[in-house]
Amino acid sequence: MAKPRTFAPAFQERDSLTIDILLKFKASENKNKKTSKKFGSYLKKSLSLHPLSLRKQRDRSHVSSLKY
């Protein structure tokens, strides 16, 4: 009598593919987080050097010196 075939290898392959996809997705998320952090720090630096931002900082320091 022949043994019935199982689909275990097919299920294992599907599970392996699912894990690969999830790992790639997680790696992509991590890369996006790093990119957004770099962009955020660049944006803060560039905005702090903007002429209007410098004027606000100067005005704030002038006002704070008048309070004392």
PDB file of N, CA and C in Angstrom:
ATOM      1  N   MET A   1       0.843  -1.173   0.000  1.00  0.00           N
ATOM      2  CA  MET A   1       0.000   0.000   0.000  1.00  0.00           C
ATOM      3  C   MET A   1       0.899   1.251   0.000  1.00  0.00           C
ATOM      4  N   ALA A   2       0.579   2.213  -0.826  1.00  0.00           N
ATOM      5  CA  ALA A   2       1.376   3.435  -0.946  1.00  0.00           C
ATOM      6  C   ALA A   2       1.009   4.420   0.157  1.00  0.00           C
ATOM      7  N   LYS A   3       2.022   5.093   0.647  1.00  0.00           N
ATOM      8  CA  LYS A   3       1.775   6.101   1.683  1.00  0.00           C
ATOM      9  C   LYS A   3       1.211   7.362   1.029  1.00  0.00           C
ATOM     10  N   PRO A   4       0.256   8.003   1.691  1.00  0.00           N
ATOM     11  CA  PRO A   4      -0.261   9.262   1.131  1.00  0.00           C
ATOM     12  C   PRO A   4       0.817  10.350   1.217  1.00  0.00           C
ATOM     13  N   ARG A   5       0.866  11.145   0.203  1.00  0.00           N
ATOM     14  CA  ARG A   5       1.852  12.230   0.179  1.00  0.00           C
ATOM     15  C   ARG A   5       1.406  13.359   1.107  1.00  0.00           C
ATOM     16  N   THR A   6       2.376  13.977   1.706  1.00  0.00           N
ATOM     17  CA  THR A   6       2.054  15.134   2.551  1.00  0.00           C
ATOM     18  C   THR A   6       2.501  16.395   1.837  1.00  0.00           C
ATOM     19  N   PHE A   7       1.942  17.484   2.240  1.00  0.00           N
ATOM     20  CA  PHE A   7       2.290  18.771   1.647  1.00  0.00           C
ATOM     21  C   PHE A   7       3.219  19.569   2.554  1.00  0.00           C
ATOM     22  N   ALA A   8       3.848  18.891   3.485  1.00  0.00           N
ATOM     23  CA  ALA A   8       4.719  19.582   4.438  1.00  0.00           C
ATOM     24  C   ALA A   8       5.802  20.416   3.752  1.00  0.00           C
ATOM     25  N   PRO A   9       6.499  19.891   2.733  1.00  0.00           N
ATOM     26  CA  PRO A   9       7.517  20.742   2.089  1.00  0.00           C
ATOM     27  C   PRO A   9       6.929  22.013   1.481  1.00  0.00           C
ATOM     28  N   ALA A  10       5.741  21.905   0.912  1.00  0.00           N
ATOM     29  CA  ALA A  10       5.107  23.094   0.329  1.00  0.00           C
ATOM     30  C   ALA A  10       4.763  24.103   1.419  1.00  0.00           C
ATOM     31  N   PHE A  11       4.267  23.629   2.553  1.00  0.00           N
ATOM     32  CA  PHE A  11       3.944  24.535   3.656  1.00  0.00           C
ATOM     33  C   PHE A  11       5.211  25.178   4.217  1.00  0.00           C
ATOM     34  N   GLN A  12       6.278  24.387   4.318  1.00  0.00           N
ATOM     35  CA  GLN A  12       7.535  24.937   4.825  1.00  0.00           C
ATOM     36  C   GLN A  12       8.073  26.011   3.887  1.00  0.00           C
ATOM     37  N   GLU A  13       7.958  25.766   2.583  1.00  0.00           N
ATOM     38  CA  GLU A  13       8.432  26.756   1.617  1.00  0.00           C
ATOM     39  C   GLU A  13       7.607  28.035   1.713  1.00  0.00           C
ATOM     40  N   ARG A  14       6.287  27.873   1.854  1.00  0.00           N
ATOM     41  CA  ARG A  14       5.420  29.050   1.978  1.00  0.00           C
ATOM     42  C   ARG A  14       5.756  29.833   3.240  1.00  0.00           C
ATOM     43  N   ASP A  15       5.956  29.116   4.337  1.00  0.00           N
ATOM     44  CA  ASP A  15       6.321  29.786   5.590  1.00  0.00           C
ATOM     45  C   ASP A  15       7.668  30.495   5.462  1.00  0.00           C
ATOM     46  N   SER A  16       8.600  29.856   4.780  1.00  0.00           N
ATOM     47  CA  SER A  16       9.911  30.461   4.573  1.00  0.00           C
ATOM     48  C   SER A  16       9.791  31.739   3.752  1.00  0.00           C
ATOM     49  N   LEU A  17       8.965  31.717   2.710  1.00  0.00           N
ATOM     50  CA  LEU A  17       8.754  32.910   1.891  1.00  0.00           C
ATOM     51  C   LEU A  17       8.093  34.016   2.699  1.00  0.00           C
ATOM     52  N   THR A  18       7.135  33.640   3.541  1.00  0.00           N
ATOM     53  CA  THR A  18       6.456  34.621   4.387  1.00  0.00           C
ATOM     54  C   THR A  18       7.453  35.288   5.333  1.00  0.00           C
ATOM     55  N   ILE A  19       8.317  34.488   5.917  1.00  0.00           N
ATOM     56  CA  ILE A  19       9.331  35.031   6.830  1.00  0.00           C
ATOM     57  C   ILE A  19      10.274  35.960   6.078  1.00  0.00           C
ATOM     58  N   ASP A  20      10.688  35.556   4.876  1.00  0.00           N
ATOM     59  CA  ASP A  20      11.568  36.411   4.067  1.00  0.00           C
ATOM     60  C   ASP A  20      10.909  37.750   3.764  1.00  0.00           C
ATOM     61  N   ILE A  21       9.637  37.706   3.408  1.00  0.00           N
ATOM     62  CA  ILE A  21       8.908  38.938   3.091  1.00  0.00           C
ATOM     63  C   ILE A  21       8.822  39.833   4.323  1.00  0.00           C
ATOM     64  N   LEU A  22       8.509  39.243   5.468  1.00  0.00           N
ATOM     65  CA  LEU A  22       8.406  40.027   6.701  1.00  0.00           C
ATOM     66  C   LEU A  22       9.757  40.639   7.086  1.00  0.00           C
ATOM     67  N   LEU A  23      10.835  39.884   6.902  1.00  0.00           N
ATOM     68  CA  LEU A  23      12.166  40.412   7.218  1.00  0.00           C
ATOM     69  C   LEU A  23      12.535  41.566   6.292  1.00  0.00           C
ATOM     70  N   LYS A  24      12.207  41.444   5.008  1.00  0.00           N
ATOM     71  CA  LYS A  24      12.489  42.530   4.064  1.00  0.00           C
ATOM     72  C   LYS A  24      11.667  43.763   4.407  1.00  0.00           C
ATOM     73  N   PHE A  25      10.411  43.552   4.800  1.00  0.00           N
ATOM     74  CA  PHE A  25       9.539  44.661   5.180  1.00  0.00           C
ATOM     75  C   PHE A  25      10.099  45.376   6.404  1.00  0.00           C
ATOM     76  N   LYS A  26      10.541  44.610   7.393  1.00  0.00           N
ATOM     77  CA  LYS A  26      11.100  45.192   8.614  1.00  0.00           C
ATOM     78  C   LYS A  26      12.386  45.960   8.299  1.00  0.00           C
ATOM     79  N   ALA A  27      13.220  45.402   7.431  1.00  0.00           N
ATOM     80  CA  ALA A  27      14.458  46.087   7.046  1.00  0.00           C
ATOM     81  C   ALA A  27      14.141  47.395   6.334  1.00  0.00           C
ATOM     82  N   SER A  28      13.106  47.373   5.511  1.00  0.00           N
ATOM     83  CA  SER A  28      12.696  48.582   4.800  1.00  0.00           C
ATOM     84  C   SER A  28      12.193  49.638   5.783  1.00  0.00           C
ATOM     85  N   GLU A  29      11.428  49.212   6.782  1.00  0.00           N
ATOM     86  CA  GLU A  29      10.943  50.147   7.808  1.00  0.00           C
ATOM     87  C   GLU A  29      12.113  50.784   8.551  1.00  0.00           C
ATOM     88  N   ASN A  30      13.092  49.967   8.928  1.00  0.00           N
ATOM     89  CA  ASN A  30      14.257  50.485   9.655  1.00  0.00           C
ATOM     90  C   ASN A  30      15.031  51.485   8.807  1.00  0.00           C
ATOM     91  N   LYS A  31      15.165  51.189   7.526  1.00  0.00           N
ATOM     92  CA  LYS A  31      15.877  52.099   6.629  1.00  0.00           C
ATOM     93  C   LYS A  31      15.124  53.421   6.521  1.00  0.00           C
ATOM     94  N   ASN A  32      13.786  53.341   6.429  1.00  0.00           N
ATOM     95  CA  ASN A  32      12.983  54.560   6.339  1.00  0.00           C
ATOM     96  C   ASN A  32      13.097  55.396   7.611  1.00  0.00           C
ATOM     97  N   LYS A  33      13.146  54.744   8.765  1.00  0.00           N
ATOM     98  CA  LYS A  33      13.291  55.475  10.024  1.00  0.00           C
ATOM     99  C   LYS A  33      14.617  56.226  10.059  1.00  0.00           C
ATOM    100  N   LYS A  34      15.687  55.545   9.636  1.00  0.00           N
ATOM    101  CA  LYS A  34      17.001  56.193   9.633  1.00  0.00           C
ATOM    102  C   LYS A  34      17.010  57.373   8.673  1.00  0.00           C
ATOM    103  N   THR A  35      16.391  57.180   7.501  1.00  0.00           N
ATOM    104  CA  THR A  35      16.356  58.252   6.505  1.00  0.00           C
ATOM    105  C   THR A  35      15.565  59.436   7.031  1.00  0.00           C
ATOM    106  N   SER A  36      14.422  59.169   7.676  1.00  0.00           N
ATOM    107  CA  SER A  36      13.609  60.278   8.178  1.00  0.00           C
ATOM    108  C   SER A  36      14.320  61.006   9.317  1.00  0.00           C
ATOM    109  N   LYS A  37      15.073  60.278  10.147  1.00  0.00           N
ATOM    110  CA  LYS A  37      15.836  60.937  11.213  1.00  0.00           C
ATOM    111  C   LYS A  37      16.908  61.839  10.621  1.00  0.00           C
ATOM    112  N   LYS A  38      17.604  61.333   9.588  1.00  0.00           N
ATOM    113  CA  LYS A  38      18.642  62.143   8.952  1.00  0.00           C
ATOM    114  C   LYS A  38      18.026  63.383   8.326  1.00  0.00           C
ATOM    115  N   PHE A  39      16.893  63.210   7.658  1.00  0.00           N
ATOM    116  CA  PHE A  39      16.241  64.341   7.012  1.00  0.00           C
ATOM    117  C   PHE A  39      15.745  65.332   8.057  1.00  0.00           C
ATOM    118  N   GLY A  40      15.200  64.816   9.165  1.00  0.00           N
ATOM    119  CA  GLY A  40      14.722  65.691  10.230  1.00  0.00           C
ATOM    120  C   GLY A  40      15.834  66.531  10.827  1.00  0.00           C
ATOM    121  N   SER A  41      16.986  65.911  11.061  1.00  0.00           N
ATOM    122  CA  SER A  41      18.102  66.687  11.626  1.00  0.00           C
ATOM    123  C   SER A  41      18.629  67.689  10.607  1.00  0.00           C
ATOM    124  N   TYR A  42      18.640  67.309   9.327  1.00  0.00           N
ATOM    125  CA  TYR A  42      19.056  68.243   8.274  1.00  0.00           C
ATOM    126  C   TYR A  42      18.088  69.414   8.205  1.00  0.00           C
ATOM    127  N   LEU A  43      16.787  69.104   8.306  1.00  0.00           N
ATOM    128  CA  LEU A  43      15.762  70.141   8.232  1.00  0.00           C
ATOM    129  C   LEU A  43      15.899  71.116   9.401  1.00  0.00           C
ATOM    130  N   LYS A  44      16.127  70.593  10.600  1.00  0.00           N
ATOM    131  CA  LYS A  44      16.307  71.469  11.766  1.00  0.00           C
ATOM    132  C   LYS A  44      17.511  72.386  11.589  1.00  0.00           C
ATOM    133  N   LYS A  45      18.608  71.816  11.092  1.00  0.00           N
ATOM    134  CA  LYS A  45      19.815  72.627  10.896  1.00  0.00           C
ATOM    135  C   LYS A  45      19.581  73.707   9.856  1.00  0.00           C
ATOM    136  N   SER A  46      18.952  73.319   8.749  1.00  0.00           N
ATOM    137  CA  SER A  46      18.765  74.296   7.672  1.00  0.00           C
ATOM    138  C   SER A  46      17.759  75.371   8.076  1.00  0.00           C
ATOM    139  N   LEU A  47      16.724  74.998   8.840  1.00  0.00           N
ATOM    140  CA  LEU A  47      15.752  76.004   9.273  1.00  0.00           C
ATOM    141  C   LEU A  47      16.347  76.946  10.310  1.00  0.00           C
ATOM    142  N   SER A  48      17.232  76.426  11.141  1.00  0.00           N
ATOM    143  CA  SER A  48      17.830  77.303  12.155  1.00  0.00           C
ATOM    144  C   SER A  48      18.757  78.329  11.517  1.00  0.00           C
ATOM    145  N   LEU A  49      19.240  78.064  10.318  1.00  0.00           N
ATOM    146  CA  LEU A  49      20.119  79.007   9.627  1.00  0.00           C
ATOM    147  C   LEU A  49      19.362  79.933   8.681  1.00  0.00           C
ATOM    148  N   HIS A  50      18.055  79.731   8.574  1.00  0.00           N
ATOM    149  CA  HIS A  50      17.236  80.565   7.692  1.00  0.00           C
ATOM    150  C   HIS A  50      17.193  81.987   8.261  1.00  0.00           C
ATOM    151  N   PRO A  51      17.238  83.019   7.411  1.00  0.00           N
ATOM    152  CA  PRO A  51      17.264  84.410   7.909  1.00  0.00           C
ATOM    153  C   PRO A  51      16.107  84.766   8.841  1.00  0.00           C
ATOM    154  N   LEU A  52      14.903  84.292   8.547  1.00  0.00           N
ATOM    155  CA  LEU A  52      13.773  84.604   9.433  1.00  0.00           C
ATOM    156  C   LEU A  52      13.938  83.932  10.788  1.00  0.00           C
ATOM    157  N   SER A  53      14.468  82.734  10.776  1.00  0.00           N
ATOM    158  CA  SER A  53      14.697  82.032  12.033  1.00  0.00           C
ATOM    159  C   SER A  53      15.764  82.747  12.855  1.00  0.00           C
ATOM    160  N   LEU A  54      16.800  83.207  12.193  1.00  0.00           N
ATOM    161  CA  LEU A  54      17.852  83.948  12.899  1.00  0.00           C
ATOM    162  C   LEU A  54      17.308  85.244  13.486  1.00  0.00           C
ATOM    163  N   ARG A  55      16.417  85.892  12.758  1.00  0.00           N
ATOM    164  CA  ARG A  55      15.810  87.132  13.252  1.00  0.00           C
ATOM    165  C   ARG A  55      14.967  86.839  14.493  1.00  0.00           C
ATOM    166  N   LYS A  56      14.200  85.740  14.462  1.00  0.00           N
ATOM    167  CA  LYS A  56      13.384  85.381  15.628  1.00  0.00           C
ATOM    168  C   LYS A  56      14.267  85.111  16.836  1.00  0.00           C
ATOM    169  N   GLN A  57      15.368  84.394  16.607  1.00  0.00           N
ATOM    170  CA  GLN A  57      16.278  84.104  17.713  1.00  0.00           C
ATOM    171  C   GLN A  57      16.869  85.395  18.280  1.00  0.00           C
ATOM    172  N   ARG A  58      17.237  86.305  17.405  1.00  0.00           N
ATOM    173  CA  ARG A  58      17.811  87.579  17.839  1.00  0.00           C
ATOM    174  C   ARG A  58      16.775  88.386  18.625  1.00  0.00           C
ATOM    175  N   ASP A  59      15.524  88.414  18.110  1.00  0.00           N
ATOM    176  CA  ASP A  59      14.460  89.148  18.794  1.00  0.00           C
ATOM    177  C   ASP A  59      14.165  88.543  20.160  1.00  0.00           C
ATOM    178  N   ARG A  60      14.169  87.239  20.248  1.00  0.00           N
ATOM    179  CA  ARG A  60      13.907  86.581  21.528  1.00  0.00           C
ATOM    180  C   ARG A  60      15.005  86.910  22.531  1.00  0.00           C
ATOM    181  N   SER A  61      16.241  86.893  22.074  1.00  0.00           N
ATOM    182  CA  SER A  61      17.335  87.192  23.004  1.00  0.00           C
ATOM    183  C   SER A  61      17.274  88.655  23.438  1.00  0.00           C
ATOM    184  N   HIS A  62      16.863  89.528  22.541  1.00  0.00           N
ATOM    185  CA  HIS A  62      16.730  90.947  22.870  1.00  0.00           C
ATOM    186  C   HIS A  62      15.619  91.149  23.901  1.00  0.00           C
ATOM    187  N   VAL A  63      14.486  90.471  23.706  1.00  0.00           N
ATOM    188  CA  VAL A  63      13.357  90.583  24.637  1.00  0.00           C
ATOM    189  C   VAL A  63      13.731  89.995  25.983  1.00  0.00           C
ATOM    190  N   SER A  64      14.414  88.861  25.984  1.00  0.00           N
ATOM    191  CA  SER A  64      14.779  88.251  27.263  1.00  0.00           C
ATOM    192  C   SER A  64      15.789  89.111  28.018  1.00  0.00           C
ATOM    193  N   SER A  65      16.634  89.832  27.303  1.00  0.00           N
ATOM    194  CA  SER A  65      17.590  90.701  27.996  1.00  0.00           C
ATOM    195  C   SER A  65      16.887  91.921  28.584  1.00  0.00           C
ATOM    196  N   LEU A  66      15.771  92.348  27.997  1.00  0.00           N
ATOM    197  CA  LEU A  66      15.016  93.481  28.525  1.00  0.00           C
ATOM    198  C   LEU A  66      14.259  93.116  29.794  1.00  0.00           C
ATOM    199  N   LYS A  67      13.902  91.862  29.951  1.00  0.00           N
ATOM    200  CA  LYS A  67      13.139  91.432  31.128  1.00  0.00           C
ATOM    201  C   LYS A  67      13.977  91.511  32.390  1.00  0.00           C
ATOM    202  N   TYR A  68      15.265  91.358  32.281  1.00  0.00           N
ATOM    203  CA  TYR A  68      16.108  91.302  33.475  1.00  0.00           C
ATOM    204  C   TYR A  68      16.562  92.634  33.838  1.00  0.00           C
TER     205      TYR A  68
END
